[in-house]
Amino acid sequence: MKRGDVVLVDYPYSDRTGSKLRPALCVQADFLNVLISDTLLVSITRTIRPASSTETQVEAAHEPQSGLKHESVVACTNLLTLDQALIYRTIGRLSKATMDRVDQCLRVALSL
């Protein structure tokens, strides 16, 4: 697994009442992905809200290598640490330009 990979995971609800199979984005540094069994993910959702500095839109038509089928949002306020063995599969990869936008959203969300 590499930073920028779009993966399918059973993403838990924040209130722990359940979970949902959904795409997520690997945002952890590549060197950590080979050193530890956990990885850091952010959720990807089809729920489009008004523009936010902590989210970035991904248009599936403009990012066919993403594996996403619909216009989606990378929500950088919804982070999850998950054992890599629990990742169902990698479905695609985001472009460098989109990852640059994700990086900016993460900086805002984490106040870096």
C-alpha atoms as a PDB file:
ATOM      1  CA  MET A   1       0.000   0.000   0.000  1.00  0.00           C
ATOM      2  CA  LYS A   2       1.160   3.505  -0.828  1.00  0.00           C
ATOM      3  CA  ARG A   3       0.222   7.033   0.098  1.00  0.00           C
ATOM      4  CA  GLY A   4      -2.437   8.203  -2.366  1.00  0.00           C
ATOM      5  CA  ASP A   5      -4.005   4.765  -2.795  1.00  0.00           C
ATOM      6  CA  VAL A   6      -7.796   4.606  -2.731  1.00  0.00           C
ATOM      7  CA  VAL A   7      -8.825   1.508  -0.807  1.00  0.00           C
ATOM      8  CA  LEU A   8     -12.057  -0.205   0.267  1.00  0.00           C
ATOM      9  CA  VAL A   9     -12.505  -0.628   4.027  1.00  0.00           C
ATOM     10  CA  ASP A  10     -15.242  -1.353   6.523  1.00  0.00           C
ATOM     11  CA  TYR A  11     -15.193   2.205   7.908  1.00  0.00           C
ATOM     12  CA  PRO A  12     -16.686   2.454  11.423  1.00  0.00           C
ATOM     13  CA  TYR A  13     -19.177   5.160  12.368  1.00  0.00           C
ATOM     14  CA  SER A  14     -17.704   7.617  14.854  1.00  0.00           C
ATOM     15  CA  ASP A  15     -20.359   6.691  17.446  1.00  0.00           C
ATOM     16  CA  ARG A  16     -19.391   2.987  17.069  1.00  0.00           C
ATOM     17  CA  THR A  17     -22.968   1.923  16.245  1.00  0.00           C
ATOM     18  CA  GLY A  18     -21.875   0.234  13.037  1.00  0.00           C
ATOM     19  CA  SER A  19     -19.791   0.591   9.930  1.00  0.00           C
ATOM     20  CA  LYS A  20     -20.049   0.864   6.177  1.00  0.00           C
ATOM     21  CA  LEU A  21     -17.964  -0.500   3.320  1.00  0.00           C
ATOM     22  CA  ARG A  22     -16.568   2.633   1.717  1.00  0.00           C
ATOM     23  CA  PRO A  23     -13.557   4.013  -0.102  1.00  0.00           C
ATOM     24  CA  ALA A  24     -10.824   5.648   1.936  1.00  0.00           C
ATOM     25  CA  LEU A  25      -7.552   7.348   1.092  1.00  0.00           C
ATOM     26  CA  CYS A  26      -4.195   6.259   2.464  1.00  0.00           C
ATOM     27  CA  VAL A  27      -2.455   9.408   3.761  1.00  0.00           C
ATOM     28  CA  GLN A  28       0.320   7.809   5.786  1.00  0.00           C
ATOM     29  CA  ALA A  29       3.938   8.205   4.671  1.00  0.00           C
ATOM     30  CA  ASP A  30       5.137   5.324   2.510  1.00  0.00           C
ATOM     31  CA  PHE A  31       8.077   4.485   4.777  1.00  0.00           C
ATOM     32  CA  LEU A  32       5.625   3.864   7.658  1.00  0.00           C
ATOM     33  CA  ASN A  33       3.429   1.618   5.524  1.00  0.00           C
ATOM     34  CA  VAL A  34       6.277  -0.899   5.345  1.00  0.00           C
ATOM     35  CA  LEU A  35       7.453  -0.492   8.964  1.00  0.00           C
ATOM     36  CA  ILE A  36       4.170  -0.902  10.861  1.00  0.00           C
ATOM     37  CA  SER A  37       1.028  -2.908  10.250  1.00  0.00           C
ATOM     38  CA  ASP A  38      -1.343   0.042  10.769  1.00  0.00           C
ATOM     39  CA  THR A  39      -2.061   2.761   8.242  1.00  0.00           C
ATOM     40  CA  LEU A  40      -3.673   6.169   8.476  1.00  0.00           C
ATOM     41  CA  LEU A  41      -6.746   6.724   6.289  1.00  0.00           C
ATOM     42  CA  VAL A  42      -9.237   9.508   5.604  1.00  0.00           C
ATOM     43  CA  SER A  43     -12.769   8.843   4.450  1.00  0.00           C
ATOM     44  CA  ILE A  44     -14.112   9.403   0.969  1.00  0.00           C
ATOM     45  CA  THR A  45     -17.808  10.188   0.684  1.00  0.00           C
ATOM     46  CA  ARG A  46     -20.367  11.039  -1.984  1.00  0.00           C
ATOM     47  CA  THR A  47     -21.950  13.606   0.345  1.00  0.00           C
ATOM     48  CA  ILE A  48     -21.057  16.929  -1.239  1.00  0.00           C
ATOM     49  CA  ARG A  49     -21.339  19.842   1.190  1.00  0.00           C
ATOM     50  CA  PRO A  50     -20.608  23.537   0.675  1.00  0.00           C
ATOM     51  CA  ALA A  51     -16.916  24.216   0.054  1.00  0.00           C
ATOM     52  CA  SER A  52     -14.744  23.525   3.083  1.00  0.00           C
ATOM     53  CA  SER A  53     -11.042  24.010   3.681  1.00  0.00           C
ATOM     54  CA  THR A  54     -10.881  20.507   5.184  1.00  0.00           C
ATOM     55  CA  GLU A  55     -12.384  18.674   2.194  1.00  0.00           C
ATOM     56  CA  THR A  56     -11.445  18.361  -1.442  1.00  0.00           C
ATOM     57  CA  GLN A  57     -13.636  17.200  -4.285  1.00  0.00           C
ATOM     58  CA  VAL A  58     -12.657  14.388  -6.628  1.00  0.00           C
ATOM     59  CA  GLU A  59     -14.477  14.208  -9.942  1.00  0.00           C
ATOM     60  CA  ALA A  60     -14.403  10.596 -11.085  1.00  0.00           C
ATOM     61  CA  ALA A  61     -14.440  11.658 -14.751  1.00  0.00           C
ATOM     62  CA  HIS A  62     -11.261  13.729 -14.247  1.00  0.00           C
ATOM     63  CA  GLU A  63      -9.551  11.062 -12.114  1.00  0.00           C
ATOM     64  CA  PRO A  64     -10.299   7.737 -13.835  1.00  0.00           C
ATOM     65  CA  GLN A  65      -7.284   6.114 -12.123  1.00  0.00           C
ATOM     66  CA  SER A  66      -8.934   6.772  -8.727  1.00  0.00           C
ATOM     67  CA  GLY A  67     -11.298   3.809  -9.071  1.00  0.00           C
ATOM     68  CA  LEU A  68     -14.140   6.015  -7.834  1.00  0.00           C
ATOM     69  CA  LYS A  69     -17.417   5.747  -9.734  1.00  0.00           C
ATOM     70  CA  HIS A  70     -19.026   8.979  -8.525  1.00  0.00           C
ATOM     71  CA  GLU A  71     -18.084  12.546  -7.768  1.00  0.00           C
ATOM     72  CA  SER A  72     -16.724  12.301  -4.230  1.00  0.00           C
ATOM     73  CA  VAL A  73     -15.156  14.253  -1.410  1.00  0.00           C
ATOM     74  CA  VAL A  74     -12.022  13.421   0.565  1.00  0.00           C
ATOM     75  CA  ALA A  75     -12.994  14.414   4.115  1.00  0.00           C
ATOM     76  CA  CYS A  76      -9.775  15.199   5.980  1.00  0.00           C
ATOM     77  CA  THR A  77     -11.554  15.617   9.323  1.00  0.00           C
ATOM     78  CA  ASN A  78     -12.560  11.940   9.333  1.00  0.00           C
ATOM     79  CA  LEU A  79      -9.304  10.075  10.063  1.00  0.00           C
ATOM     80  CA  LEU A  80      -8.930   6.398  10.912  1.00  0.00           C
ATOM     81  CA  THR A  81      -5.995   4.220  11.904  1.00  0.00           C
ATOM     82  CA  LEU A  82      -6.552   0.678  10.685  1.00  0.00           C
ATOM     83  CA  ASP A  83      -4.541  -2.509  10.474  1.00  0.00           C
ATOM     84  CA  GLN A  84      -3.544  -2.989   6.839  1.00  0.00           C
ATOM     85  CA  ALA A  85      -4.833  -6.580   6.972  1.00  0.00           C
ATOM     86  CA  LEU A  86      -8.383  -5.158   7.306  1.00  0.00           C
ATOM     87  CA  ILE A  87      -8.210  -3.359   3.966  1.00  0.00           C
ATOM     88  CA  TYR A  88     -10.306  -5.238   1.425  1.00  0.00           C
ATOM     89  CA  ARG A  89      -8.450  -4.048  -1.653  1.00  0.00           C
ATOM     90  CA  THR A  90      -6.918  -1.108  -3.458  1.00  0.00           C
ATOM     91  CA  ILE A  91      -9.268   0.261  -6.108  1.00  0.00           C
ATOM     92  CA  GLY A  92      -7.185   3.122  -7.477  1.00  0.00           C
ATOM     93  CA  ARG A  93      -4.891   6.027  -6.886  1.00  0.00           C
ATOM     94  CA  LEU A  94      -5.271   9.816  -6.721  1.00  0.00           C
ATOM     95  CA  SER A  95      -3.155  12.133  -8.854  1.00  0.00           C
ATOM     96  CA  LYS A  96      -0.358  14.264  -7.448  1.00  0.00           C
ATOM     97  CA  ALA A  97      -2.447  17.408  -8.003  1.00  0.00           C
ATOM     98  CA  THR A  98      -5.311  15.987  -5.936  1.00  0.00           C
ATOM     99  CA  MET A  99      -2.923  14.744  -3.245  1.00  0.00           C
ATOM    100  CA  ASP A 100      -1.475  18.265  -3.037  1.00  0.00           C
ATOM    101  CA  ARG A 101      -5.016  19.520  -2.302  1.00  0.00           C
ATOM    102  CA  VAL A 102      -5.482  16.742   0.258  1.00  0.00           C
ATOM    103  CA  ASP A 103      -2.218  17.764   1.936  1.00  0.00           C
ATOM    104  CA  GLN A 104      -3.483  21.334   2.249  1.00  0.00           C
ATOM    105  CA  CYS A 105      -6.782  20.117   3.734  1.00  0.00           C
ATOM    106  CA  LEU A 106      -4.908  17.944   6.236  1.00  0.00           C
ATOM    107  CA  ARG A 107      -2.776  20.928   7.266  1.00  0.00           C
ATOM    108  CA  VAL A 108      -5.953  22.911   7.962  1.00  0.00           C
ATOM    109  CA  ALA A 109      -7.749  20.045   9.734  1.00  0.00           C
ATOM    110  CA  LEU A 110      -4.748  19.308  11.962  1.00  0.00           C
ATOM    111  CA  SER A 111      -3.664  22.932  12.383  1.00  0.00           C
ATOM    112  CA  LEU A 112      -0.172  22.227  11.012  1.00  0.00           C
END
